[in-house]
C-alpha atoms as a PDB file:
ATOM      1  CA  MET A   1       6.767  12.129  18.572  1.00  0.00           C
ATOM      2  CA  VAL A   2       3.792  13.990  17.096  1.00  0.00           C
ATOM      3  CA  LEU A   3       3.738  15.271  13.531  1.00  0.00           C
ATOM      4  CA  ASN A   4       3.846  19.050  13.448  1.00  0.00           C
ATOM      5  CA  ASN A   5       0.607  20.405  11.940  1.00  0.00           C
ATOM      6  CA  ASN A   6       2.662  22.546   9.545  1.00  0.00           C
ATOM      7  CA  MET A   7       4.199  19.431   7.987  1.00  0.00           C
ATOM      8  CA  LYS A   8       2.055  18.246   5.125  1.00  0.00           C
ATOM      9  CA  VAL A   9       2.897  14.774   3.865  1.00  0.00           C
ATOM     10  CA  LEU A  10       0.207  13.117   1.800  1.00  0.00           C
ATOM     11  CA  MET A  11       0.613   9.388   1.457  1.00  0.00           C
ATOM     12  CA  LEU A  12      -1.155   6.632  -0.425  1.00  0.00           C
ATOM     13  CA  ILE A  13      -0.774   3.231   1.253  1.00  0.00           C
ATOM     14  CA  LEU A  14      -1.523   0.107  -0.772  1.00  0.00           C
ATOM     15  CA  ALA A  15      -1.364  -3.248   1.057  1.00  0.00           C
ATOM     16  CA  SER A  16      -2.254  -6.705  -0.181  1.00  0.00           C
ATOM     17  CA  ASP A  17      -5.155  -8.129   1.800  1.00  0.00           C
ATOM     18  CA  GLY A  18      -3.173 -11.279   2.622  1.00  0.00           C
ATOM     19  CA  GLY A  19      -5.923 -13.740   1.753  1.00  0.00           C
ATOM     20  CA  THR A  20      -8.794 -15.370   3.598  1.00  0.00           C
ATOM     21  CA  ASN A  21      -6.842 -16.781   6.527  1.00  0.00           C
ATOM     22  CA  ASP A  22      -8.319 -15.656   9.873  1.00  0.00           C
ATOM     23  CA  ILE A  23      -5.059 -14.011  10.953  1.00  0.00           C
ATOM     24  CA  TYR A  24      -4.989 -11.835   7.803  1.00  0.00           C
ATOM     25  CA  ILE A  25      -8.600 -10.829   8.309  1.00  0.00           C
ATOM     26  CA  LYS A  26      -7.789  -9.776  11.893  1.00  0.00           C
ATOM     27  CA  LEU A  27      -4.688  -7.874  10.707  1.00  0.00           C
ATOM     28  CA  GLN A  28      -6.854  -5.965   8.207  1.00  0.00           C
ATOM     29  CA  GLN A  29      -9.286  -5.001  10.969  1.00  0.00           C
ATOM     30  CA  ILE A  30      -6.449  -3.737  13.179  1.00  0.00           C
ATOM     31  CA  LYS A  31      -4.808  -1.811  10.329  1.00  0.00           C
ATOM     32  CA  ARG A  32      -8.111  -0.253   9.262  1.00  0.00           C
ATOM     33  CA  ALA A  33      -8.876   0.990  12.767  1.00  0.00           C
ATOM     34  CA  TYR A  34      -5.388   2.506  13.059  1.00  0.00           C
ATOM     35  CA  ILE A  35      -4.470   3.842   9.632  1.00  0.00           C
ATOM     36  CA  HIS A  36      -7.742   5.621   8.881  1.00  0.00           C
ATOM     37  CA  ARG A  37      -7.139   7.864  11.921  1.00  0.00           C
ATOM     38  CA  PHE A  38      -4.554   9.849   9.913  1.00  0.00           C
ATOM     39  CA  PRO A  39      -6.210  12.404   7.613  1.00  0.00           C
ATOM     40  CA  GLN A  40      -3.086  12.833   5.476  1.00  0.00           C
ATOM     41  CA  VAL A  41      -3.036   9.116   4.644  1.00  0.00           C
ATOM     42  CA  GLU A  42      -5.281   7.365   2.157  1.00  0.00           C
ATOM     43  CA  ALA A  43      -5.039   3.591   2.579  1.00  0.00           C
ATOM     44  CA  TYR A  44      -6.418   0.631   0.630  1.00  0.00           C
ATOM     45  CA  PHE A  45      -6.202  -3.151   0.723  1.00  0.00           C
ATOM     46  CA  TYR A  46      -6.114  -4.944  -2.600  1.00  0.00           C
ATOM     47  CA  LYS A  47      -7.318  -8.454  -3.337  1.00  0.00           C
ATOM     48  CA  ALA A  48      -7.686 -10.693  -6.356  1.00  0.00           C
ATOM     49  CA  ASP A  49     -11.049 -11.318  -8.015  1.00  0.00           C
ATOM     50  CA  PRO A  50     -10.658 -13.059 -11.389  1.00  0.00           C
ATOM     51  CA  ASN A  51     -14.393 -12.637 -12.107  1.00  0.00           C
ATOM     52  CA  LEU A  52     -14.374  -8.836 -12.418  1.00  0.00           C
ATOM     53  CA  ALA A  53     -15.666  -7.330 -15.660  1.00  0.00           C
ATOM     54  CA  THR A  54     -12.921  -4.652 -15.550  1.00  0.00           C
ATOM     55  CA  ASP A  55      -9.240  -4.653 -14.502  1.00  0.00           C
ATOM     56  CA  TYR A  56     -10.098  -3.241 -11.077  1.00  0.00           C
ATOM     57  CA  GLN A  57     -12.954  -2.018  -8.918  1.00  0.00           C
ATOM     58  CA  ILE A  58     -12.657   0.169  -5.816  1.00  0.00           C
ATOM     59  CA  VAL A  59     -15.200  -0.385  -3.030  1.00  0.00           C
ATOM     60  CA  ASN A  60     -14.589   1.690   0.112  1.00  0.00           C
ATOM     61  CA  ASP A  61     -10.993   0.878   1.114  1.00  0.00           C
ATOM     62  CA  VAL A  62     -10.701  -2.343  -0.920  1.00  0.00           C
ATOM     63  CA  ILE A  63      -9.446  -2.568  -4.496  1.00  0.00           C
ATOM     64  CA  TYR A  64     -10.519  -5.730  -6.278  1.00  0.00           C
ATOM     65  CA  ILE A  65      -8.075  -6.736  -9.018  1.00  0.00           C
ATOM     66  CA  LYS A  66      -8.959  -8.929 -11.999  1.00  0.00           C
ATOM     67  CA  THR A  67      -6.433 -11.723 -11.545  1.00  0.00           C
ATOM     68  CA  PRO A  68      -6.280 -15.114  -9.825  1.00  0.00           C
ATOM     69  CA  GLU A  69      -4.969 -15.144  -6.237  1.00  0.00           C
ATOM     70  CA  THR A  70      -1.716 -16.978  -6.903  1.00  0.00           C
ATOM     71  CA  TYR A  71       1.875 -16.198  -5.995  1.00  0.00           C
ATOM     72  CA  PRO A  72       3.047 -15.628  -9.601  1.00  0.00           C
ATOM     73  CA  ASN A  73       0.381 -12.926  -9.984  1.00  0.00           C
ATOM     74  CA  LEU A  74       1.719 -10.682  -7.179  1.00  0.00           C
ATOM     75  CA  TRP A  75       3.367  -8.369  -9.705  1.00  0.00           C
ATOM     76  CA  LYS A  76       0.219  -8.214 -11.838  1.00  0.00           C
ATOM     77  CA  LYS A  77      -1.867  -7.351  -8.784  1.00  0.00           C
ATOM     78  CA  MET A  78       0.446  -4.492  -7.870  1.00  0.00           C
ATOM     79  CA  TRP A  79       0.631  -3.239 -11.458  1.00  0.00           C
ATOM     80  CA  LEU A  80      -3.184  -3.117 -11.709  1.00  0.00           C
ATOM     81  CA  VAL A  81      -3.429  -1.344  -8.334  1.00  0.00           C
ATOM     82  CA  LEU A  82      -0.974   1.298  -9.524  1.00  0.00           C
ATOM     83  CA  LYS A  83      -2.913   1.568 -12.785  1.00  0.00           C
ATOM     84  CA  ALA A  84      -6.078   2.252 -10.778  1.00  0.00           C
ATOM     85  CA  PHE A  85      -4.423   5.189  -8.996  1.00  0.00           C
ATOM     86  CA  GLU A  86      -2.310   6.512 -11.874  1.00  0.00           C
ATOM     87  CA  PRO A  87      -4.660   9.453 -12.586  1.00  0.00           C
ATOM     88  CA  ARG A  88      -4.291  10.522  -8.935  1.00  0.00           C
ATOM     89  CA  PHE A  89      -0.537  10.104  -8.376  1.00  0.00           C
ATOM     90  CA  HIS A  90      -0.059  13.883  -8.414  1.00  0.00           C
ATOM     91  CA  GLU A  91      -2.207  14.129  -5.257  1.00  0.00           C
ATOM     92  CA  PHE A  92       0.318  12.252  -3.091  1.00  0.00           C
ATOM     93  CA  ASP A  93       3.823  13.009  -1.886  1.00  0.00           C
ATOM     94  CA  TYR A  94       4.597   9.318  -1.363  1.00  0.00           C
ATOM     95  CA  ILE A  95       3.168   5.910  -2.161  1.00  0.00           C
ATOM     96  CA  CYS A  96       3.799   3.112   0.333  1.00  0.00           C
ATOM     97  CA  ARG A  97       3.363  -0.609  -0.288  1.00  0.00           C
ATOM     98  CA  PRO A  98       3.792  -2.360   3.065  1.00  0.00           C
ATOM     99  CA  ASN A  99       3.180  -6.006   3.784  1.00  0.00           C
ATOM    100  CA  LEU A 100      -0.070  -6.642   5.615  1.00  0.00           C
ATOM    101  CA  SER A 101       1.873  -7.814   8.662  1.00  0.00           C
ATOM    102  CA  THR A 102       4.029  -4.644   8.713  1.00  0.00           C
ATOM    103  CA  PHE A 103       3.011  -2.275  11.491  1.00  0.00           C
ATOM    104  CA  ILE A 104       3.951   1.341  10.926  1.00  0.00           C
ATOM    105  CA  ILE A 105       4.083   3.886  13.737  1.00  0.00           C
ATOM    106  CA  MET A 106       2.500   6.576  11.597  1.00  0.00           C
ATOM    107  CA  ASP A 107       3.545   9.673  13.577  1.00  0.00           C
ATOM    108  CA  ARG A 108       7.202   8.633  13.319  1.00  0.00           C
ATOM    109  CA  TYR A 109       6.891   7.490   9.724  1.00  0.00           C
ATOM    110  CA  LEU A 110       5.259  10.723   8.576  1.00  0.00           C
ATOM    111  CA  GLN A 111       7.878  12.708  10.468  1.00  0.00           C
ATOM    112  CA  HIS A 112      10.645  10.708   8.770  1.00  0.00           C
ATOM    113  CA  LEU A 113       9.141  11.349   5.343  1.00  0.00           C
ATOM    114  CA  THR A 114       9.499  15.099   5.840  1.00  0.00           C
ATOM    115  CA  THR A 115      13.288  14.571   5.758  1.00  0.00           C
ATOM    116  CA  LEU A 116      13.229  12.840   2.357  1.00  0.00           C
ATOM    117  CA  PRO A 117      13.009  14.260  -1.161  1.00  0.00           C
ATOM    118  CA  LYS A 118       9.580  14.237  -2.794  1.00  0.00           C
ATOM    119  CA  THR A 119      10.954  13.183  -6.172  1.00  0.00           C
ATOM    120  CA  ARG A 120      13.171  10.295  -7.232  1.00  0.00           C
ATOM    121  CA  CYS A 121      12.925   8.683  -3.806  1.00  0.00           C
ATOM    122  CA  CYS A 122      12.556   4.926  -3.340  1.00  0.00           C
ATOM    123  CA  SER A 123      13.214   3.180  -0.069  1.00  0.00           C
ATOM    124  CA  GLY A 124      12.506  -0.149   1.547  1.00  0.00           C
ATOM    125  CA  VAL A 125      13.634  -3.754   1.738  1.00  0.00           C
ATOM    126  CA  THR A 126      14.139  -5.972  -1.291  1.00  0.00           C
ATOM    127  CA  HIS A 127      13.059  -9.564  -0.769  1.00  0.00           C
ATOM    128  CA  TYR A 128      13.861 -12.324  -3.249  1.00  0.00           C
ATOM    129  CA  GLY A 129      11.890 -15.147  -1.623  1.00  0.00           C
ATOM    130  CA  GLY A 130      13.573 -17.677  -3.908  1.00  0.00           C
ATOM    131  CA  GLN A 131      12.442 -15.728  -6.984  1.00  0.00           C
ATOM    132  CA  PRO A 132      14.810 -14.475  -9.712  1.00  0.00           C
ATOM    133  CA  ILE A 133      13.260 -10.986  -9.598  1.00  0.00           C
ATOM    134  CA  PRO A 134      13.354  -9.050  -6.299  1.00  0.00           C
ATOM    135  CA  PHE A 135      10.002  -8.225  -4.735  1.00  0.00           C
ATOM    136  CA  PRO A 136       9.773  -4.865  -2.955  1.00  0.00           C
ATOM    137  CA  ALA A 137       8.624  -5.160   0.654  1.00  0.00           C
ATOM    138  CA  GLY A 138       7.659  -2.058   2.575  1.00  0.00           C
ATOM    139  CA  TYR A 139       8.667   0.269  -0.233  1.00  0.00           C
ATOM    140  CA  PHE A 140       7.571   3.817  -0.666  1.00  0.00           C
ATOM    141  CA  LEU A 141       8.324   5.910  -3.674  1.00  0.00           C
ATOM    142  CA  GLN A 142       7.678   9.145  -5.431  1.00  0.00           C
END
C-alpha cells in the first residue's frame, strides 16, 4: 500500500534511544535509515545526559535530556522531550512515541492515520511493567 500524494499527514516520532547496548545501537541505525526516507515524518531519538547545562539539547536527530538514565526517570525524559517540542506541536498532525524495538511499516501507518481524527485522538498499548502507573507504549496522540 502506498500513501496517496494527496494525503498529508505530518508526524513527529520520538523514540527512546534504548541505551548503550550494541543491539540498541544497531536498532537506531536501522530505524534512522528507514524513517528518514519519509518527508512527512520528523523523527528523533532521545537519551539521558545528566551533565547538560539546560533541560534539553537537540543535535541532528538526537535529543539529549538532562536526567540520569534510570528506569524511574522514563516519565521525566518523555516530559522534557515534549517540552522541547511544545512550541512546534501545531506543525504536526500526530505525535508518536514508539519503543525503539517497534518497527512501523510507515506507508501503512500513515495511511491508517488518515482515517483517524486529528484532535482528541490517543491510541496505543498501555504497559504496566510492574509499575503502579501505566506507561504508554507505541502511543500516538494529537
